[in-house]
Full PDB file with SEQRES, HELIX, SHEET, SSBOND, CRYST1, ORIGX, SCALE, CONECT and MASTER records, all heavy atoms in Angstrom:
SEQRES   1 A   46  GLU SER THR ASP ARG ASP GLY ALA GLU VAL LEU TYR ARG          
SEQRES   2 A   46  GLN ALA ALA ASP LEU GLY SER ALA HIS ALA LEU ASP ARG          
SEQRES   3 A   46  LEU ALA VAL MET ARG GLU ASN ALA GLY ASP ARG ASP GLY          
SEQRES   4 A   46  ALA GLU ALA LEU SER ARG GLU                                  
HELIX    1 AA1 ARG A    5  ASP A   17  1                                  13    
HELIX    2 AA2 ALA A   21  ASN A   33  1                                  13    
HELIX    3 AA3 ARG A   37  ARG A   45  1                                   9    
CRYST1    1.000    1.000    1.000  90.00  90.00  90.00 P 1           1          
ORIGX1      1.000000  0.000000  0.000000        0.00000                         
ORIGX2      0.000000  1.000000  0.000000        0.00000                         
ORIGX3      0.000000  0.000000  1.000000        0.00000                         
SCALE1      1.000000  0.000000  0.000000        0.00000                         
SCALE2      0.000000  1.000000  0.000000        0.00000                         
SCALE3      0.000000  0.000000  1.000000        0.00000                         
ATOM      1  N   GLU A   1      93.086 106.123 104.954  1.00  0.00           N  
ATOM      2  CA  GLU A   1      94.467 106.458 105.298  1.00  0.00           C  
ATOM      3  C   GLU A   1      94.824 106.131 106.745  1.00  0.00           C  
ATOM      4  O   GLU A   1      95.890 105.622 107.025  1.00  0.00           O  
ATOM      5  CB  GLU A   1      94.760 107.910 105.002  1.00  0.00           C  
ATOM      6  CG  GLU A   1      96.217 108.220 105.014  1.00  0.00           C  
ATOM      7  CD  GLU A   1      96.538 109.606 104.489  1.00  0.00           C  
ATOM      8  OE1 GLU A   1      95.839 110.078 103.571  1.00  0.00           O  
ATOM      9  OE2 GLU A   1      97.498 110.196 105.004  1.00  0.00           O  
ATOM     10  N   SER A   2      93.915 106.367 107.679  1.00  0.00           N  
ATOM     11  CA  SER A   2      94.255 106.136 109.081  1.00  0.00           C  
ATOM     12  C   SER A   2      94.208 104.660 109.503  1.00  0.00           C  
ATOM     13  O   SER A   2      94.844 104.291 110.472  1.00  0.00           O  
ATOM     14  CB  SER A   2      93.285 106.958 109.996  1.00  0.00           C  
ATOM     15  OG  SER A   2      91.971 106.486 109.803  1.00  0.00           O  
ATOM     16  N   THR A   3      93.488 103.831 108.715  1.00  0.00           N  
ATOM     17  CA  THR A   3      93.366 102.446 109.096  1.00  0.00           C  
ATOM     18  C   THR A   3      94.040 101.468 108.128  1.00  0.00           C  
ATOM     19  O   THR A   3      94.328 100.335 108.514  1.00  0.00           O  
ATOM     20  CB  THR A   3      91.842 102.069 109.205  1.00  0.00           C  
ATOM     21  OG1 THR A   3      91.235 102.277 107.965  1.00  0.00           O  
ATOM     22  CG2 THR A   3      91.201 102.839 110.296  1.00  0.00           C  
ATOM     23  N   ASP A   4      94.243 101.883 106.900  1.00  0.00           N  
ATOM     24  CA  ASP A   4      94.792 100.986 105.849  1.00  0.00           C  
ATOM     25  C   ASP A   4      95.677 101.799 104.902  1.00  0.00           C  
ATOM     26  O   ASP A   4      95.277 102.174 103.821  1.00  0.00           O  
ATOM     27  CB  ASP A   4      93.621 100.319 105.105  1.00  0.00           C  
ATOM     28  CG  ASP A   4      94.114  99.381 103.977  1.00  0.00           C  
ATOM     29  OD1 ASP A   4      95.325  99.085 103.914  1.00  0.00           O  
ATOM     30  OD2 ASP A   4      93.265  98.979 103.192  1.00  0.00           O  
ATOM     31  N   ARG A   5      96.894 102.079 105.366  1.00  0.00           N  
ATOM     32  CA  ARG A   5      97.825 102.919 104.609  1.00  0.00           C  
ATOM     33  C   ARG A   5      98.068 102.368 103.209  1.00  0.00           C  
ATOM     34  O   ARG A   5      98.040 103.131 102.252  1.00  0.00           O  
ATOM     35  CB  ARG A   5      99.104 103.062 105.380  1.00  0.00           C  
ATOM     36  CG  ARG A   5     100.111 103.966 104.690  1.00  0.00           C  
ATOM     37  CD  ARG A   5     101.335 104.180 105.557  1.00  0.00           C  
ATOM     38  NE  ARG A   5     102.190 105.171 104.898  1.00  0.00           N  
ATOM     39  CZ  ARG A   5     103.285 104.887 104.271  1.00  0.00           C  
ATOM     40  NH1 ARG A   5     103.739 103.645 104.185  1.00  0.00           N  
ATOM     41  NH2 ARG A   5     103.988 105.818 103.706  1.00  0.00           N  
ATOM     42  N   ASP A   6      98.294 101.081 103.089  1.00  0.00           N  
ATOM     43  CA  ASP A   6      98.569 100.497 101.762  1.00  0.00           C  
ATOM     44  C   ASP A   6      97.360 100.649 100.849  1.00  0.00           C  
ATOM     45  O   ASP A   6      97.526 100.970  99.686  1.00  0.00           O  
ATOM     46  CB  ASP A   6      98.947  99.018 101.924  1.00  0.00           C  
ATOM     47  CG  ASP A   6     100.339  98.827 102.600  1.00  0.00           C  
ATOM     48  OD1 ASP A   6     101.108  99.782 102.584  1.00  0.00           O  
ATOM     49  OD2 ASP A   6     100.565  97.707 103.119  1.00  0.00           O  
ATOM     50  N   GLY A   7      96.179 100.414 101.413  1.00  0.00           N  
ATOM     51  CA  GLY A   7      94.971 100.587 100.601  1.00  0.00           C  
ATOM     52  C   GLY A   7      94.785 101.999 100.165  1.00  0.00           C  
ATOM     53  O   GLY A   7      94.369 102.281  99.040  1.00  0.00           O  
ATOM     54  N   ALA A   8      95.092 102.933 101.062  1.00  0.00           N  
ATOM     55  CA  ALA A   8      94.986 104.374 100.724  1.00  0.00           C  
ATOM     56  C   ALA A   8      95.961 104.729  99.595  1.00  0.00           C  
ATOM     57  O   ALA A   8      95.596 105.449  98.656  1.00  0.00           O  
ATOM     58  CB  ALA A   8      95.261 105.248 101.948  1.00  0.00           C  
ATOM     59  N   GLU A   9      97.155 104.203  99.657  1.00  0.00           N  
ATOM     60  CA  GLU A   9      98.135 104.475  98.604  1.00  0.00           C  
ATOM     61  C   GLU A   9      97.672 103.951  97.257  1.00  0.00           C  
ATOM     62  O   GLU A   9      97.848 104.633  96.247  1.00  0.00           O  
ATOM     63  CB  GLU A   9      99.495 103.878  98.975  1.00  0.00           C  
ATOM     64  CG  GLU A   9     100.244 104.646 100.039  1.00  0.00           C  
ATOM     65  CD  GLU A   9     101.713 104.279 100.156  1.00  0.00           C  
ATOM     66  OE1 GLU A   9     102.284 103.763  99.157  1.00  0.00           O  
ATOM     67  OE2 GLU A   9     102.272 104.482 101.226  1.00  0.00           O  
ATOM     68  N   VAL A  10      97.055 102.770  97.246  1.00  0.00           N  
ATOM     69  CA  VAL A  10      96.526 102.233  95.987  1.00  0.00           C  
ATOM     70  C   VAL A  10      95.477 103.162  95.421  1.00  0.00           C  
ATOM     71  O   VAL A  10      95.454 103.468  94.233  1.00  0.00           O  
ATOM     72  CB  VAL A  10      95.985 100.805  96.189  1.00  0.00           C  
ATOM     73  CG1 VAL A  10      95.132 100.351  95.010  1.00  0.00           C  
ATOM     74  CG2 VAL A  10      97.100  99.807  96.494  1.00  0.00           C  
ATOM     75  N   LEU A  11      94.582 103.638  96.287  1.00  0.00           N  
ATOM     76  CA  LEU A  11      93.512 104.517  95.829  1.00  0.00           C  
ATOM     77  C   LEU A  11      94.075 105.866  95.330  1.00  0.00           C  
ATOM     78  O   LEU A  11      93.636 106.395  94.323  1.00  0.00           O  
ATOM     79  CB  LEU A  11      92.500 104.745  96.963  1.00  0.00           C  
ATOM     80  CG  LEU A  11      91.675 103.509  97.286  1.00  0.00           C  
ATOM     81  CD1 LEU A  11      90.991 103.645  98.635  1.00  0.00           C  
ATOM     82  CD2 LEU A  11      90.659 103.217  96.174  1.00  0.00           C  
ATOM     83  N   TYR A  12      95.053 106.381  96.049  1.00  0.00           N  
ATOM     84  CA  TYR A  12      95.691 107.658  95.625  1.00  0.00           C  
ATOM     85  C   TYR A  12      96.370 107.472  94.264  1.00  0.00           C  
ATOM     86  O   TYR A  12      96.348 108.332  93.419  1.00  0.00           O  
ATOM     87  CB  TYR A  12      96.672 108.151  96.662  1.00  0.00           C  
ATOM     88  CG  TYR A  12      96.045 108.696  97.924  1.00  0.00           C  
ATOM     89  CD1 TYR A  12      96.706 108.562  99.154  1.00  0.00           C  
ATOM     90  CD2 TYR A  12      94.845 109.378  97.915  1.00  0.00           C  
ATOM     91  CE1 TYR A  12      96.167 109.025 100.326  1.00  0.00           C  
ATOM     92  CE2 TYR A  12      94.291 109.855  99.090  1.00  0.00           C  
ATOM     93  CZ  TYR A  12      94.949 109.694 100.302  1.00  0.00           C  
ATOM     94  OH  TYR A  12      94.397 110.188 101.440  1.00  0.00           O  
ATOM     95  N   ARG A  13      97.017 106.327  94.082  1.00  0.00           N  
ATOM     96  CA  ARG A  13      97.702 106.079  92.806  1.00  0.00           C  
ATOM     97  C   ARG A  13      96.681 105.984  91.672  1.00  0.00           C  
ATOM     98  O   ARG A  13      96.872 106.484  90.589  1.00  0.00           O  
ATOM     99  CB  ARG A  13      98.516 104.791  92.888  1.00  0.00           C  
ATOM    100  CG  ARG A  13      99.233 104.356  91.608  1.00  0.00           C  
ATOM    101  CD  ARG A  13      99.912 105.449  90.857  1.00  0.00           C  
ATOM    102  NE  ARG A  13     101.113 105.952  91.451  1.00  0.00           N  
ATOM    103  CZ  ARG A  13     101.813 106.984  90.978  1.00  0.00           C  
ATOM    104  NH1 ARG A  13     101.471 107.563  89.830  1.00  0.00           N  
ATOM    105  NH2 ARG A  13     102.878 107.399  91.575  1.00  0.00           N  
ATOM    106  N   GLN A  14      95.520 105.350  91.946  1.00  0.00           N  
ATOM    107  CA  GLN A  14      94.457 105.283  90.930  1.00  0.00           C  
ATOM    108  C   GLN A  14      93.959 106.668  90.596  1.00  0.00           C  
ATOM    109  O   GLN A  14      93.741 106.984  89.402  1.00  0.00           O  
ATOM    110  CB  GLN A  14      93.304 104.415  91.429  1.00  0.00           C  
ATOM    111  CG  GLN A  14      93.654 102.951  91.521  1.00  0.00           C  
ATOM    112  CD  GLN A  14      92.559 102.115  92.159  1.00  0.00           C  
ATOM    113  OE1 GLN A  14      91.555 102.624  92.648  1.00  0.00           O  
ATOM    114  NE2 GLN A  14      92.762 100.806  92.205  1.00  0.00           N  
ATOM    115  N   ALA A  15      93.811 107.529  91.606  1.00  0.00           N  
ATOM    116  CA  ALA A  15      93.375 108.920  91.377  1.00  0.00           C  
ATOM    117  C   ALA A  15      94.445 109.665  90.570  1.00  0.00           C  
ATOM    118  O   ALA A  15      94.120 110.435  89.662  1.00  0.00           O  
ATOM    119  CB  ALA A  15      93.074 109.639  92.693  1.00  0.00           C  
ATOM    120  N   ALA A  16      95.699 109.427  90.889  1.00  0.00           N  
ATOM    121  CA  ALA A  16      96.794 110.068  90.151  1.00  0.00           C  
ATOM    122  C   ALA A  16      96.787 109.626  88.690  1.00  0.00           C  
ATOM    123  O   ALA A  16      97.003 110.431  87.794  1.00  0.00           O  
ATOM    124  CB  ALA A  16      98.122 109.729  90.789  1.00  0.00           C  
ATOM    125  N   ASP A  17      96.502 108.356  88.450  1.00  0.00           N  
ATOM    126  CA  ASP A  17      96.444 107.869  87.097  1.00  0.00           C  
ATOM    127  C   ASP A  17      95.314 108.527  86.280  1.00  0.00           C  
ATOM    128  O   ASP A  17      95.392 108.543  85.069  1.00  0.00           O  
ATOM    129  CB  ASP A  17      96.302 106.332  87.066  1.00  0.00           C  
ATOM    130  CG  ASP A  17      97.526 105.634  87.567  1.00  0.00           C  
ATOM    131  OD1 ASP A  17      98.628 106.249  87.635  1.00  0.00           O  
ATOM    132  OD2 ASP A  17      97.414 104.396  87.866  1.00  0.00           O  
ATOM    133  N   LEU A  18      94.307 109.054  87.000  1.00  0.00           N  
ATOM    134  CA  LEU A  18      93.218 109.775  86.346  1.00  0.00           C  
ATOM    135  C   LEU A  18      93.513 111.260  86.243  1.00  0.00           C  
ATOM    136  O   LEU A  18      92.651 112.040  85.871  1.00  0.00           O  
ATOM    137  CB  LEU A  18      91.902 109.542  87.068  1.00  0.00           C  
ATOM    138  CG  LEU A  18      91.323 108.117  86.954  1.00  0.00           C  
ATOM    139  CD1 LEU A  18      90.110 107.980  87.875  1.00  0.00           C  
ATOM    140  CD2 LEU A  18      90.985 107.778  85.511  1.00  0.00           C  
ATOM    141  N   GLY A  19      94.769 111.658  86.663  1.00  0.00           N  
ATOM    142  CA  GLY A  19      95.179 113.053  86.484  1.00  0.00           C  
ATOM    143  C   GLY A  19      95.139 113.927  87.707  1.00  0.00           C  
ATOM    144  O   GLY A  19      95.285 115.137  87.617  1.00  0.00           O  
ATOM    145  N   SER A  20      94.982 113.336  88.904  1.00  0.00           N  
ATOM    146  CA  SER A  20      94.900 114.114  90.118  1.00  0.00           C  
ATOM    147  C   SER A  20      96.298 114.474  90.676  1.00  0.00           C  
ATOM    148  O   SER A  20      96.984 113.630  91.212  1.00  0.00           O  
ATOM    149  CB  SER A  20      94.115 113.376  91.190  1.00  0.00           C  
ATOM    150  OG  SER A  20      94.126 114.052  92.412  1.00  0.00           O  
ATOM    151  N   ALA A  21      96.648 115.758  90.566  1.00  0.00           N  
ATOM    152  CA  ALA A  21      97.897 116.225  91.179  1.00  0.00           C  
ATOM    153  C   ALA A  21      97.792 116.163  92.700  1.00  0.00           C  
ATOM    154  O   ALA A  21      98.790 115.931  93.368  1.00  0.00           O  
ATOM    155  CB  ALA A  21      98.205 117.638  90.721  1.00  0.00           C  
ATOM    156  N   HIS A  22      96.605 116.369  93.239  1.00  0.00           N  
ATOM    157  CA  HIS A  22      96.429 116.310  94.677  1.00  0.00           C  
ATOM    158  C   HIS A  22      96.765 114.908  95.195  1.00  0.00           C  
ATOM    159  O   HIS A  22      97.353 114.747  96.263  1.00  0.00           O  
ATOM    160  CB  HIS A  22      94.991 116.679  95.040  1.00  0.00           C  
ATOM    161  CG  HIS A  22      94.670 116.594  96.503  1.00  0.00           C  
ATOM    162  ND1 HIS A  22      93.478 116.193  96.990  1.00  0.00           N  
ATOM    163  CD2 HIS A  22      95.423 116.868  97.582  1.00  0.00           C  
ATOM    164  CE1 HIS A  22      93.498 116.185  98.295  1.00  0.00           C  
ATOM    165  NE2 HIS A  22      94.680 116.613  98.676  1.00  0.00           N  
ATOM    166  N   ALA A  23      96.374 113.847  94.435  1.00  0.00           N  
ATOM    167  CA  ALA A  23      96.727 112.488  94.872  1.00  0.00           C  
ATOM    168  C   ALA A  23      98.219 112.276  94.901  1.00  0.00           C  
ATOM    169  O   ALA A  23      98.728 111.657  95.837  1.00  0.00           O  
ATOM    170  CB  ALA A  23      96.023 111.493  93.914  1.00  0.00           C  
ATOM    171  N   LEU A  24      98.915 112.797  93.918  1.00  0.00           N  
ATOM    172  CA  LEU A  24     100.381 112.662  93.891  1.00  0.00           C  
ATOM    173  C   LEU A  24     100.973 113.410  95.079  1.00  0.00           C  
ATOM    174  O   LEU A  24     101.914 112.946  95.705  1.00  0.00           O  
ATOM    175  CB  LEU A  24     100.941 113.220  92.584  1.00  0.00           C  
ATOM    176  CG  LEU A  24     100.632 112.380  91.362  1.00  0.00           C  
ATOM    177  CD1 LEU A  24     100.943 113.157  90.082  1.00  0.00           C  
ATOM    178  CD2 LEU A  24     101.406 111.070  91.387  1.00  0.00           C  
ATOM    179  N   ASP A  25     100.428 114.593  95.366  1.00  0.00           N  
ATOM    180  CA  ASP A  25     100.919 115.334  96.518  1.00  0.00           C  
ATOM    181  C   ASP A  25     100.698 114.580  97.810  1.00  0.00           C  
ATOM    182  O   ASP A  25     101.537 114.499  98.667  1.00  0.00           O  
ATOM    183  CB  ASP A  25     100.215 116.720  96.563  1.00  0.00           C  
ATOM    184  CG  ASP A  25     100.808 117.617  97.644  1.00  0.00           C  
ATOM    185  OD1 ASP A  25     101.958 118.060  97.467  1.00  0.00           O  
ATOM    186  OD2 ASP A  25     100.103 117.874  98.652  1.00  0.00           O  
ATOM    187  N   ARG A  26      99.519 113.975  97.941  1.00  0.00           N  
ATOM    188  CA  ARG A  26      99.194 113.192  99.118  1.00  0.00           C  
ATOM    189  C   ARG A  26     100.115 112.007  99.279  1.00  0.00           C  
ATOM    190  O   ARG A  26     100.627 111.706 100.379  1.00  0.00           O  
ATOM    191  CB  ARG A  26      97.724 112.728  99.029  1.00  0.00           C  
ATOM    192  CG  ARG A  26      97.102 112.182 100.270  1.00  0.00           C  
ATOM    193  CD  ARG A  26      97.034 113.262 101.374  1.00  0.00           C  
ATOM    194  NE  ARG A  26      97.403 112.548 102.584  1.00  0.00           N  
ATOM    195  CZ  ARG A  26      98.260 113.006 103.500  1.00  0.00           C  
ATOM    196  NH1 ARG A  26      98.805 114.217 103.373  1.00  0.00           N  
ATOM    197  NH2 ARG A  26      98.527 112.292 104.518  1.00  0.00           N  
ATOM    198  N   LEU A  27     100.396 111.301  98.164  1.00  0.00           N  
ATOM    199  CA  LEU A  27     101.346 110.224  98.188  1.00  0.00           C  
ATOM    200  C   LEU A  27     102.725 110.690  98.603  1.00  0.00           C  
ATOM    201  O   LEU A  27     103.417 110.019  99.375  1.00  0.00           O  
ATOM    202  CB  LEU A  27     101.421 109.541  96.828  1.00  0.00           C  
ATOM    203  CG  LEU A  27     100.274 108.615  96.421  1.00  0.00           C  
ATOM    204  CD1 LEU A  27     100.323 108.271  94.952  1.00  0.00           C  
ATOM    205  CD2 LEU A  27     100.295 107.345  97.279  1.00  0.00           C  
ATOM    206  N   ALA A  28     103.137 111.848  98.095  1.00  0.00           N  
ATOM    207  CA  ALA A  28     104.465 112.391  98.464  1.00  0.00           C  
ATOM    208  C   ALA A  28     104.546 112.671  99.926  1.00  0.00           C  
ATOM    209  O   ALA A  28     105.558 112.363 100.571  1.00  0.00           O  
ATOM    210  CB  ALA A  28     104.743 113.677  97.638  1.00  0.00           C  
ATOM    211  N   VAL A  29     103.493 113.238 100.514  1.00  0.00           N  
ATOM    212  CA  VAL A  29     103.467 113.522 101.938  1.00  0.00           C  
ATOM    213  C   VAL A  29     103.548 112.207 102.731  1.00  0.00           C  
ATOM    214  O   VAL A  29     104.281 112.125 103.741  1.00  0.00           O  
ATOM    215  CB  VAL A  29     102.204 114.328 102.335  1.00  0.00           C  
ATOM    216  CG1 VAL A  29     102.044 114.384 103.822  1.00  0.00           C  
ATOM    217  CG2 VAL A  29     102.290 115.710 101.724  1.00  0.00           C  
ATOM    218  N   MET A  30     102.822 111.201 102.314  1.00  0.00           N  
ATOM    219  CA  MET A  30     102.867 109.913 102.983  1.00  0.00           C  
ATOM    220  C   MET A  30     104.271 109.316 102.927  1.00  0.00           C  
ATOM    221  O   MET A  30     104.768 108.806 103.968  1.00  0.00           O  
ATOM    222  CB  MET A  30     101.877 108.922 102.378  1.00  0.00           C  
ATOM    223  CG  MET A  30     100.405 109.307 102.657  1.00  0.00           C  
ATOM    224  SD  MET A  30      99.247 108.180 101.847  1.00  0.00           S  
ATOM    225  CE  MET A  30      99.394 106.711 102.866  1.00  0.00           C  
ATOM    226  N   ARG A  31     104.926 109.412 101.797  1.00  0.00           N  
ATOM    227  CA  ARG A  31     106.296 108.918 101.681  1.00  0.00           C  
ATOM    228  C   ARG A  31     107.265 109.692 102.561  1.00  0.00           C  
ATOM    229  O   ARG A  31     108.134 109.133 103.192  1.00  0.00           O  
ATOM    230  CB  ARG A  31     106.758 108.941 100.225  1.00  0.00           C  
ATOM    231  CG  ARG A  31     105.973 108.038  99.308  1.00  0.00           C  
ATOM    232  CD  ARG A  31     106.531 106.615  99.327  1.00  0.00           C  
ATOM    233  NE  ARG A  31     105.649 105.716  98.628  1.00  0.00           N  
ATOM    234  CZ  ARG A  31     105.673 105.493  97.331  1.00  0.00           C  
ATOM    235  NH1 ARG A  31     106.548 106.128  96.551  1.00  0.00           N  
ATOM    236  NH2 ARG A  31     104.812 104.671  96.772  1.00  0.00           N  
ATOM    237  N   GLU A  32     107.088 111.026 102.534  1.00  0.00           N  
ATOM    238  CA  GLU A  32     107.926 111.867 103.393  1.00  0.00           C  
ATOM    239  C   GLU A  32     107.748 111.506 104.861  1.00  0.00           C  
ATOM    240  O   GLU A  32     108.730 111.383 105.592  1.00  0.00           O  
ATOM    241  CB  GLU A  32     107.615 113.345 103.123  1.00  0.00           C  
ATOM    242  CG  GLU A  32     108.525 114.277 103.878  1.00  0.00           C  
ATOM    243  CD  GLU A  32     108.173 115.746 103.585  1.00  0.00           C  
ATOM    244  OE1 GLU A  32     107.012 116.129 103.759  1.00  0.00           O  
ATOM    245  OE2 GLU A  32     109.097 116.468 103.210  1.00  0.00           O  
ATOM    246  N   ASN A  33     106.512 111.312 105.282  1.00  0.00           N  
ATOM    247  CA  ASN A  33     106.244 110.972 106.666  1.00  0.00           C  
ATOM    248  C   ASN A  33     106.796 109.610 107.042  1.00  0.00           C  
ATOM    249  O   ASN A  33     107.143 109.372 108.208  1.00  0.00           O  
ATOM    250  CB  ASN A  33     104.734 110.994 106.940  1.00  0.00           C  
ATOM    251  CG  ASN A  33     104.187 112.405 106.960  1.00  0.00           C  
ATOM    252  OD1 ASN A  33     104.909 113.396 107.085  1.00  0.00           O  
ATOM    253  ND2 ASN A  33     102.876 112.521 106.802  1.00  0.00           N  
ATOM    254  N   ALA A  34     106.940 108.737 106.058  1.00  0.00           N  
ATOM    255  CA  ALA A  34     107.503 107.397 106.286  1.00  0.00           C  
ATOM    256  C   ALA A  34     109.023 107.411 106.211  1.00  0.00           C  
ATOM    257  O   ALA A  34     109.667 106.386 106.388  1.00  0.00           O  
ATOM    258  CB  ALA A  34     106.936 106.410 105.280  1.00  0.00           C  
ATOM    259  N   GLY A  35     109.638 108.592 105.952  1.00  0.00           N  
ATOM    260  CA  GLY A  35     111.083 108.701 105.907  1.00  0.00           C  
ATOM    261  C   GLY A  35     111.680 108.437 104.555  1.00  0.00           C  
ATOM    262  O   GLY A  35     112.881 108.326 104.430  1.00  0.00           O  
ATOM    263  N   ASP A  36     110.846 108.306 103.526  1.00  0.00           N  
ATOM    264  CA  ASP A  36     111.324 108.063 102.149  1.00  0.00           C  
ATOM    265  C   ASP A  36     111.408 109.364 101.417  1.00  0.00           C  
ATOM    266  O   ASP A  36     110.588 109.700 100.579  1.00  0.00           O  
ATOM    267  CB  ASP A  36     110.365 107.072 101.483  1.00  0.00           C  
ATOM    268  CG  ASP A  36     110.777 106.721 100.064  1.00  0.00           C  
ATOM    269  OD1 ASP A  36     111.875 107.171  99.610  1.00  0.00           O  
ATOM    270  OD2 ASP A  36     110.017 106.040  99.374  1.00  0.00           O  
ATOM    271  N   ARG A  37     112.471 110.116 101.654  1.00  0.00           N  
ATOM    272  CA  ARG A  37     112.642 111.426 101.057  1.00  0.00           C  
ATOM    273  C   ARG A  37     112.766 111.355  99.543  1.00  0.00           C  
ATOM    274  O   ARG A  37     112.193 112.165  98.820  1.00  0.00           O  
ATOM    275  CB  ARG A  37     113.879 112.139 101.672  1.00  0.00           C  
ATOM    276  CG  ARG A  37     114.238 113.443 101.092  1.00  0.00           C  
ATOM    277  CD  ARG A  37     113.421 114.524 101.682  1.00  0.00           C  
ATOM    278  NE  ARG A  37     113.894 115.819 101.140  1.00  0.00           N  
ATOM    279  CZ  ARG A  37     113.273 116.919 101.319  1.00  0.00           C  
ATOM    280  NH1 ARG A  37     112.175 116.990 102.009  1.00  0.00           N  
ATOM    281  NH2 ARG A  37     113.723 118.036 100.810  1.00  0.00           N  
ATOM    282  N   ASP A  38     113.494 110.350  99.052  1.00  0.00           N  
ATOM    283  CA  ASP A  38     113.688 110.205  97.593  1.00  0.00           C  
ATOM    284  C   ASP A  38     112.354 109.880  96.923  1.00  0.00           C  
ATOM    285  O   ASP A  38     112.030 110.441  95.861  1.00  0.00           O  
ATOM    286  CB  ASP A  38     114.705 109.105  97.279  1.00  0.00           C  
ATOM    287  CG  ASP A  38     116.122 109.493  97.674  1.00  0.00           C  
ATOM    288  OD1 ASP A  38     116.384 110.715  97.830  1.00  0.00           O  
ATOM    289  OD2 ASP A  38     116.955 108.576  97.838  1.00  0.00           O  
ATOM    290  N   GLY A  39     111.577 108.991  97.531  1.00  0.00           N  
ATOM    291  CA  GLY A  39     110.276 108.697  96.977  1.00  0.00           C  
ATOM    292  C   GLY A  39     109.331 109.889  97.014  1.00  0.00           C  
ATOM    293  O   GLY A  39     108.582 110.124  96.050  1.00  0.00           O  
ATOM    294  N   ALA A  40     109.391 110.671  98.065  1.00  0.00           N  
ATOM    295  CA  ALA A  40     108.584 111.876  98.171  1.00  0.00           C  
ATOM    296  C   ALA A  40     108.968 112.878  97.079  1.00  0.00           C  
ATOM    297  O   ALA A  40     108.097 113.492  96.459  1.00  0.00           O  
ATOM    298  CB  ALA A  40     108.735 112.526  99.557  1.00  0.00           C  
ATOM    299  N   GLU A  41     110.261 113.020  96.846  1.00  0.00           N  
ATOM    300  CA  GLU A  41     110.697 113.961  95.837  1.00  0.00           C  
ATOM    301  C   GLU A  41     110.298 113.494  94.439  1.00  0.00           C  
ATOM    302  O   GLU A  41     109.856 114.286  93.612  1.00  0.00           O  
ATOM    303  CB  GLU A  41     112.226 114.156  95.907  1.00  0.00           C  
ATOM    304  CG  GLU A  41     112.692 115.249  94.979  1.00  0.00           C  
ATOM    305  CD  GLU A  41     114.130 115.650  95.209  1.00  0.00           C  
ATOM    306  OE1 GLU A  41     114.575 115.733  96.358  1.00  0.00           O  
ATOM    307  OE2 GLU A  41     114.823 115.878  94.191  1.00  0.00           O  
ATOM    308  N   ALA A  42     110.411 112.199  94.153  1.00  0.00           N  
ATOM    309  CA  ALA A  42     110.002 111.681  92.857  1.00  0.00           C  
ATOM    310  C   ALA A  42     108.508 111.893  92.598  1.00  0.00           C  
ATOM    311  O   ALA A  42     108.097 112.326  91.507  1.00  0.00           O  
ATOM    312  CB  ALA A  42     110.358 110.179  92.775  1.00  0.00           C  
ATOM    313  N   LEU A  43     107.676 111.674  93.631  1.00  0.00           N  
ATOM    314  CA  LEU A  43     106.257 111.892  93.480  1.00  0.00           C  
ATOM    315  C   LEU A  43     105.956 113.377  93.343  1.00  0.00           C  
ATOM    316  O   LEU A  43     105.042 113.764  92.573  1.00  0.00           O  
ATOM    317  CB  LEU A  43     105.505 111.288  94.670  1.00  0.00           C  
ATOM    318  CG  LEU A  43     105.402 109.771  94.643  1.00  0.00           C  
ATOM    319  CD1 LEU A  43     105.060 109.250  96.012  1.00  0.00           C  
ATOM    320  CD2 LEU A  43     104.362 109.316  93.599  1.00  0.00           C  
ATOM    321  N   SER A  44     106.703 114.197  94.017  1.00  0.00           N  
ATOM    322  CA  SER A  44     106.505 115.626  93.931  1.00  0.00           C  
ATOM    323  C   SER A  44     106.843 116.129  92.528  1.00  0.00           C  
ATOM    324  O   SER A  44     106.153 116.999  92.001  1.00  0.00           O  
ATOM    325  CB  SER A  44     107.333 116.390  94.955  1.00  0.00           C  
ATOM    326  OG  SER A  44     106.861 116.070  96.252  1.00  0.00           O  
ATOM    327  N   ARG A  45     107.889 115.588  91.940  1.00  0.00           N  
ATOM    328  CA  ARG A  45     108.220 115.950  90.556  1.00  0.00           C  
ATOM    329  C   ARG A  45     107.083 115.526  89.595  1.00  0.00           C  
ATOM    330  O   ARG A  45     106.718 116.232  88.702  1.00  0.00           O  
ATOM    331  CB  ARG A  45     109.534 115.347  90.117  1.00  0.00           C  
ATOM    332  CG  ARG A  45     110.727 116.048  90.713  1.00  0.00           C  
ATOM    333  CD  ARG A  45     112.037 115.486  90.176  1.00  0.00           C  
ATOM    334  NE  ARG A  45     113.169 116.085  90.832  1.00  0.00           N  
ATOM    335  CZ  ARG A  45     113.683 117.282  90.532  1.00  0.00           C  
ATOM    336  NH1 ARG A  45     113.115 117.994  89.565  1.00  0.00           N  
ATOM    337  NH2 ARG A  45     114.702 117.756  91.199  1.00  0.00           N  
ATOM    338  N   GLU A  46     106.528 114.344  89.845  1.00  0.00           N  
ATOM    339  CA  GLU A  46     105.425 113.862  89.032  1.00  0.00           C  
ATOM    340  C   GLU A  46     104.213 114.799  89.213  1.00  0.00           C  
ATOM    341  O   GLU A  46     103.550 115.150  88.228  1.00  0.00           O  
ATOM    342  CB  GLU A  46     105.070 112.446  89.415  1.00  0.00           C  
ATOM    343  CG  GLU A  46     104.126 111.751  88.504  1.00  0.00           C  
ATOM    344  CD  GLU A  46     103.881 110.304  88.846  1.00  0.00           C  
ATOM    345  OE1 GLU A  46     104.604 109.718  89.661  1.00  0.00           O  
ATOM    346  OE2 GLU A  46     102.895 109.746  88.312  1.00  0.00           O  
TER     347      GLU A  46                                                      
MASTER        0    0    0    3    0    0    0    6  346    1    0    4          
END                                                                             
């Protein structure tokens, strides 16, 4: 996450596809920190 944000997002999405709610939460926080409130909310709903 600290060195390769895009790579971290891909890994979190793979974890989410395996059922990890924590990965979705992490992705939502990353989107929120990037200023993408709508994306963060969509991931939070997921």
